[in-house]
Amino acid sequence: MKRKVIRPEKVALCRLCKGTGTVPGKDKHGRSLLRVCPQCEGSGRVKVSGVMEFDIQPYKEK
């Protein structure tokens, strides 16, 4: 039996930057600096949604 589950869109914290909007990086001289997070574009939040498909099979002992 196959079953499809749809998760509606919601707002969540960005996991890449942990909600700060910045990620550590390096400049061309190797110095540390903070860059705008490429995933949330600096907002610290993202919209997430999903579709999962389950294939459930009976277990038959041999």
PDB file of N, CA and C in Angstrom:
ATOM      1  N   MET A   1       0.841  -1.162   0.000  1.00  0.00           N
ATOM      2  CA  MET A   1       0.000   0.000   0.000  1.00  0.00           C
ATOM      3  C   MET A   1       0.898   1.241   0.000  1.00  0.00           C
ATOM      4  N   LYS A   2       0.661   2.125  -0.933  1.00  0.00           N
ATOM      5  CA  LYS A   2       1.424   3.366  -1.000  1.00  0.00           C
ATOM      6  C   LYS A   2       0.569   4.484  -0.440  1.00  0.00           C
ATOM      7  N   ARG A   3       1.211   5.345   0.334  1.00  0.00           N
ATOM      8  CA  ARG A   3       0.498   6.453   0.949  1.00  0.00           C
ATOM      9  C   ARG A   3       1.329   7.719   0.799  1.00  0.00           C
ATOM     10  N   LYS A   4       0.680   8.794   0.399  1.00  0.00           N
ATOM     11  CA  LYS A   4       1.358  10.064   0.177  1.00  0.00           C
ATOM     12  C   LYS A   4       0.936  11.045   1.272  1.00  0.00           C
ATOM     13  N   VAL A   5       1.907  11.685   1.925  1.00  0.00           N
ATOM     14  CA  VAL A   5       1.641  12.658   2.977  1.00  0.00           C
ATOM     15  C   VAL A   5       2.195  14.004   2.515  1.00  0.00           C
ATOM     16  N   ILE A   6       1.342  15.017   2.530  1.00  0.00           N
ATOM     17  CA  ILE A   6       1.761  16.359   2.110  1.00  0.00           C
ATOM     18  C   ILE A   6       1.838  17.248   3.343  1.00  0.00           C
ATOM     19  N   ARG A   7       2.998  17.841   3.573  1.00  0.00           N
ATOM     20  CA  ARG A   7       3.190  18.772   4.685  1.00  0.00           C
ATOM     21  C   ARG A   7       3.003  20.185   4.153  1.00  0.00           C
ATOM     22  N   PRO A   8       2.081  20.946   4.709  1.00  0.00           N
ATOM     23  CA  PRO A   8       1.859  22.314   4.220  1.00  0.00           C
ATOM     24  C   PRO A   8       3.049  23.221   4.536  1.00  0.00           C
ATOM     25  N   GLU A   9       3.137  24.309   3.795  1.00  0.00           N
ATOM     26  CA  GLU A   9       4.231  25.261   3.965  1.00  0.00           C
ATOM     27  C   GLU A   9       4.164  25.922   5.337  1.00  0.00           C
ATOM     28  N   LYS A  10       5.345  26.079   5.965  1.00  0.00           N
ATOM     29  CA  LYS A  10       5.429  26.792   7.235  1.00  0.00           C
ATOM     30  C   LYS A  10       6.752  27.545   7.293  1.00  0.00           C
ATOM     31  N   VAL A  11       6.832  28.508   8.188  1.00  0.00           N
ATOM     32  CA  VAL A  11       8.053  29.275   8.374  1.00  0.00           C
ATOM     33  C   VAL A  11       8.844  28.637   9.510  1.00  0.00           C
ATOM     34  N   ALA A  12      10.159  28.454   9.290  1.00  0.00           N
ATOM     35  CA  ALA A  12      11.012  27.824  10.300  1.00  0.00           C
ATOM     36  C   ALA A  12      12.355  28.538  10.354  1.00  0.00           C
ATOM     37  N   LEU A  13      13.106  28.285  11.428  1.00  0.00           N
ATOM     38  CA  LEU A  13      14.459  28.817  11.523  1.00  0.00           C
ATOM     39  C   LEU A  13      15.347  28.170  10.472  1.00  0.00           C
ATOM     40  N   CYS A  14      16.219  28.945   9.893  1.00  0.00           N
ATOM     41  CA  CYS A  14      17.188  28.409   8.930  1.00  0.00           C
ATOM     42  C   CYS A  14      18.176  27.537   9.689  1.00  0.00           C
ATOM     43  N   ARG A  15      18.352  26.321   9.263  1.00  0.00           N
ATOM     44  CA  ARG A  15      19.271  25.406   9.946  1.00  0.00           C
ATOM     45  C   ARG A  15      20.723  25.682   9.577  1.00  0.00           C
ATOM     46  N   LEU A  16      20.959  26.275   8.429  1.00  0.00           N
ATOM     47  CA  LEU A  16      22.333  26.541   8.010  1.00  0.00           C
ATOM     48  C   LEU A  16      22.984  27.601   8.895  1.00  0.00           C
ATOM     49  N   CYS A  17      22.272  28.685   9.167  1.00  0.00           N
ATOM     50  CA  CYS A  17      22.833  29.783   9.974  1.00  0.00           C
ATOM     51  C   CYS A  17      22.279  29.811  11.390  1.00  0.00           C
ATOM     52  N   LYS A  18      21.400  28.870  11.713  1.00  0.00           N
ATOM     53  CA  LYS A  18      20.754  28.787  13.032  1.00  0.00           C
ATOM     54  C   LYS A  18      19.953  30.042  13.371  1.00  0.00           C
ATOM     55  N   GLY A  19      19.375  30.679  12.356  1.00  0.00           N
ATOM     56  CA  GLY A  19      18.507  31.834  12.569  1.00  0.00           C
ATOM     57  C   GLY A  19      19.211  33.167  12.673  1.00  0.00           C
ATOM     58  N   THR A  20      20.531  33.202  12.506  1.00  0.00           N
ATOM     59  CA  THR A  20      21.266  34.463  12.634  1.00  0.00           C
ATOM     60  C   THR A  20      21.296  35.270  11.344  1.00  0.00           C
ATOM     61  N   GLY A  21      21.157  34.601  10.205  1.00  0.00           N
ATOM     62  CA  GLY A  21      21.217  35.288   8.914  1.00  0.00           C
ATOM     63  C   GLY A  21      22.619  35.409   8.352  1.00  0.00           C
ATOM     64  N   THR A  22      23.626  34.962   9.114  1.00  0.00           N
ATOM     65  CA  THR A  22      25.013  35.021   8.641  1.00  0.00           C
ATOM     66  C   THR A  22      25.701  33.684   8.858  1.00  0.00           C
ATOM     67  N   VAL A  23      26.686  33.415   8.011  1.00  0.00           N
ATOM     68  CA  VAL A  23      27.503  32.212   8.137  1.00  0.00           C
ATOM     69  C   VAL A  23      28.972  32.620   8.087  1.00  0.00           C
ATOM     70  N   PRO A  24      29.845  31.892   8.788  1.00  0.00           N
ATOM     71  CA  PRO A  24      31.259  32.233   8.748  1.00  0.00           C
ATOM     72  C   PRO A  24      31.846  31.957   7.368  1.00  0.00           C
ATOM     73  N   GLY A  25      32.811  32.767   6.993  1.00  0.00           N
ATOM     74  CA  GLY A  25      33.485  32.585   5.714  1.00  0.00           C
ATOM     75  C   GLY A  25      34.868  33.189   5.775  1.00  0.00           C
ATOM     76  N   LYS A  26      35.549  33.209   4.647  1.00  0.00           N
ATOM     77  CA  LYS A  26      36.893  33.780   4.543  1.00  0.00           C
ATOM     78  C   LYS A  26      36.926  34.739   3.362  1.00  0.00           C
ATOM     79  N   ASP A  27      37.715  35.800   3.496  1.00  0.00           N
ATOM     80  CA  ASP A  27      37.906  36.692   2.354  1.00  0.00           C
ATOM     81  C   ASP A  27      39.069  36.180   1.505  1.00  0.00           C
ATOM     82  N   LYS A  28      39.440  36.918   0.466  1.00  0.00           N
ATOM     83  CA  LYS A  28      40.482  36.431  -0.446  1.00  0.00           C
ATOM     84  C   LYS A  28      41.865  36.390   0.196  1.00  0.00           C
ATOM     85  N   HIS A  29      42.026  37.042   1.360  1.00  0.00           N
ATOM     86  CA  HIS A  29      43.311  37.030   2.069  1.00  0.00           C
ATOM     87  C   HIS A  29      43.328  35.988   3.188  1.00  0.00           C
ATOM     88  N   GLY A  30      42.254  35.218   3.333  1.00  0.00           N
ATOM     89  CA  GLY A  30      42.186  34.167   4.330  1.00  0.00           C
ATOM     90  C   GLY A  30      41.688  34.623   5.688  1.00  0.00           C
ATOM     91  N   ARG A  31      41.258  35.863   5.802  1.00  0.00           N
ATOM     92  CA  ARG A  31      40.745  36.371   7.075  1.00  0.00           C
ATOM     93  C   ARG A  31      39.296  35.938   7.274  1.00  0.00           C
ATOM     94  N   SER A  32      38.939  35.678   8.523  1.00  0.00           N
ATOM     95  CA  SER A  32      37.567  35.267   8.845  1.00  0.00           C
ATOM     96  C   SER A  32      36.624  36.459   8.760  1.00  0.00           C
ATOM     97  N   LEU A  33      35.428  36.201   8.268  1.00  0.00           N
ATOM     98  CA  LEU A  33      34.391  37.220   8.233  1.00  0.00           C
ATOM     99  C   LEU A  33      33.040  36.547   8.184  1.00  0.00           C
ATOM    100  N   LEU A  34      31.986  37.314   8.412  1.00  0.00           N
ATOM    101  CA  LEU A  34      30.630  36.784   8.342  1.00  0.00           C
ATOM    102  C   LEU A  34      30.019  37.143   6.994  1.00  0.00           C
ATOM    103  N   ARG A  35      29.399  36.165   6.359  1.00  0.00           N
ATOM    104  CA  ARG A  35      28.737  36.375   5.076  1.00  0.00           C
ATOM    105  C   ARG A  35      27.233  36.187   5.253  1.00  0.00           C
ATOM    106  N   VAL A  36      26.468  36.774   4.345  1.00  0.00           N
ATOM    107  CA  VAL A  36      25.015  36.583   4.347  1.00  0.00           C
ATOM    108  C   VAL A  36      24.735  35.121   4.025  1.00  0.00           C
ATOM    109  N   CYS A  37      23.854  34.520   4.770  1.00  0.00           N
ATOM    110  CA  CYS A  37      23.514  33.105   4.577  1.00  0.00           C
ATOM    111  C   CYS A  37      22.898  32.911   3.191  1.00  0.00           C
ATOM    112  N   PRO A  38      23.423  31.983   2.392  1.00  0.00           N
ATOM    113  CA  PRO A  38      22.887  31.758   1.048  1.00  0.00           C
ATOM    114  C   PRO A  38      21.523  31.070   1.038  1.00  0.00           C
ATOM    115  N   GLN A  39      21.180  30.386   2.120  1.00  0.00           N
ATOM    116  CA  GLN A  39      19.907  29.650   2.161  1.00  0.00           C
ATOM    117  C   GLN A  39      18.728  30.559   2.493  1.00  0.00           C
ATOM    118  N   CYS A  40      18.877  31.420   3.509  1.00  0.00           N
ATOM    119  CA  CYS A  40      17.764  32.283   3.918  1.00  0.00           C
ATOM    120  C   CYS A  40      17.937  33.725   3.443  1.00  0.00           C
ATOM    121  N   GLU A  41      19.050  34.004   2.776  1.00  0.00           N
ATOM    122  CA  GLU A  41      19.379  35.331   2.242  1.00  0.00           C
ATOM    123  C   GLU A  41      19.371  36.401   3.332  1.00  0.00           C
ATOM    124  N   GLY A  42      19.808  36.020   4.556  1.00  0.00           N
ATOM    125  CA  GLY A  42      19.968  36.962   5.643  1.00  0.00           C
ATOM    126  C   GLY A  42      18.779  37.146   6.555  1.00  0.00           C
ATOM    127  N   SER A  43      17.649  36.523   6.260  1.00  0.00           N
ATOM    128  CA  SER A  43      16.460  36.716   7.093  1.00  0.00           C
ATOM    129  C   SER A  43      16.471  35.844   8.357  1.00  0.00           C
ATOM    130  N   GLY A  44      17.203  34.739   8.326  1.00  0.00           N
ATOM    131  CA  GLY A  44      17.217  33.820   9.454  1.00  0.00           C
ATOM    132  C   GLY A  44      16.044  32.858   9.458  1.00  0.00           C
ATOM    133  N   ARG A  45      15.131  33.024   8.510  1.00  0.00           N
ATOM    134  CA  ARG A  45      13.932  32.177   8.420  1.00  0.00           C
ATOM    135  C   ARG A  45      13.808  31.627   6.998  1.00  0.00           C
ATOM    136  N   VAL A  46      13.184  30.461   6.878  1.00  0.00           N
ATOM    137  CA  VAL A  46      12.929  29.840   5.578  1.00  0.00           C
ATOM    138  C   VAL A  46      11.514  29.284   5.556  1.00  0.00           C
ATOM    139  N   LYS A  47      10.961  29.118   4.375  1.00  0.00           N
ATOM    140  CA  LYS A  47       9.674  28.439   4.202  1.00  0.00           C
ATOM    141  C   LYS A  47       9.982  26.987   3.857  1.00  0.00           C
ATOM    142  N   VAL A  48       9.341  26.081   4.572  1.00  0.00           N
ATOM    143  CA  VAL A  48       9.549  24.655   4.307  1.00  0.00           C
ATOM    144  C   VAL A  48       8.213  23.961   4.062  1.00  0.00           C
ATOM    145  N   SER A  49       8.237  23.003   3.165  1.00  0.00           N
ATOM    146  CA  SER A  49       7.076  22.164   2.887  1.00  0.00           C
ATOM    147  C   SER A  49       7.619  20.827   2.405  1.00  0.00           C
ATOM    148  N   GLY A  50       6.776  19.839   2.329  1.00  0.00           N
ATOM    149  CA  GLY A  50       7.289  18.549   1.910  1.00  0.00           C
ATOM    150  C   GLY A  50       6.212  17.596   1.448  1.00  0.00           C
ATOM    151  N   VAL A  51       6.661  16.627   0.671  1.00  0.00           N
ATOM    152  CA  VAL A  51       5.806  15.540   0.216  1.00  0.00           C
ATOM    153  C   VAL A  51       6.559  14.248   0.516  1.00  0.00           C
ATOM    154  N   MET A  52       5.927  13.357   1.262  1.00  0.00           N
ATOM    155  CA  MET A  52       6.536  12.067   1.578  1.00  0.00           C
ATOM    156  C   MET A  52       5.656  10.962   1.021  1.00  0.00           C
ATOM    157  N   GLU A  53       6.294   9.938   0.502  1.00  0.00           N
ATOM    158  CA  GLU A  53       5.548   8.798  -0.011  1.00  0.00           C
ATOM    159  C   GLU A  53       6.004   7.553   0.735  1.00  0.00           C
ATOM    160  N   PHE A  54       5.062   6.872   1.371  1.00  0.00           N
ATOM    161  CA  PHE A  54       5.346   5.657   2.115  1.00  0.00           C
ATOM    162  C   PHE A  54       4.881   4.458   1.312  1.00  0.00           C
ATOM    163  N   ASP A  55       5.704   3.426   1.259  1.00  0.00           N
ATOM    164  CA  ASP A  55       5.332   2.159   0.640  1.00  0.00           C
ATOM    165  C   ASP A  55       5.306   1.134   1.762  1.00  0.00           C
ATOM    166  N   ILE A  56       4.127   0.766   2.211  1.00  0.00           N
ATOM    167  CA  ILE A  56       3.961  -0.129   3.356  1.00  0.00           C
ATOM    168  C   ILE A  56       3.592  -1.517   2.841  1.00  0.00           C
ATOM    169  N   GLN A  57       4.440  -2.487   3.186  1.00  0.00           N
ATOM    170  CA  GLN A  57       4.248  -3.870   2.741  1.00  0.00           C
ATOM    171  C   GLN A  57       4.049  -4.761   3.962  1.00  0.00           C
ATOM    172  N   PRO A  58       3.208  -5.779   3.855  1.00  0.00           N
ATOM    173  CA  PRO A  58       3.050  -6.715   4.968  1.00  0.00           C
ATOM    174  C   PRO A  58       4.312  -7.557   5.156  1.00  0.00           C
ATOM    175  N   TYR A  59       4.588  -7.884   6.397  1.00  0.00           N
ATOM    176  CA  TYR A  59       5.731  -8.744   6.696  1.00  0.00           C
ATOM    177  C   TYR A  59       5.244 -10.190   6.784  1.00  0.00           C
ATOM    178  N   LYS A  60       5.843 -11.037   5.973  1.00  0.00           N
ATOM    179  CA  LYS A  60       5.469 -12.456   5.971  1.00  0.00           C
ATOM    180  C   LYS A  60       6.697 -13.279   6.309  1.00  0.00           C
ATOM    181  N   GLU A  61       6.634 -13.943   7.458  1.00  0.00           N
ATOM    182  CA  GLU A  61       7.740 -14.768   7.903  1.00  0.00           C
ATOM    183  C   GLU A  61       7.845 -16.009   7.024  1.00  0.00           C
ATOM    184  N   LYS A  62       9.063 -16.394   6.681  1.00  0.00           N
ATOM    185  CA  LYS A  62       9.256 -17.565   5.811  1.00  0.00           C
ATOM    186  C   LYS A  62       9.577 -18.797   6.604  1.00  0.00           C
TER     187      LYS A  62
END
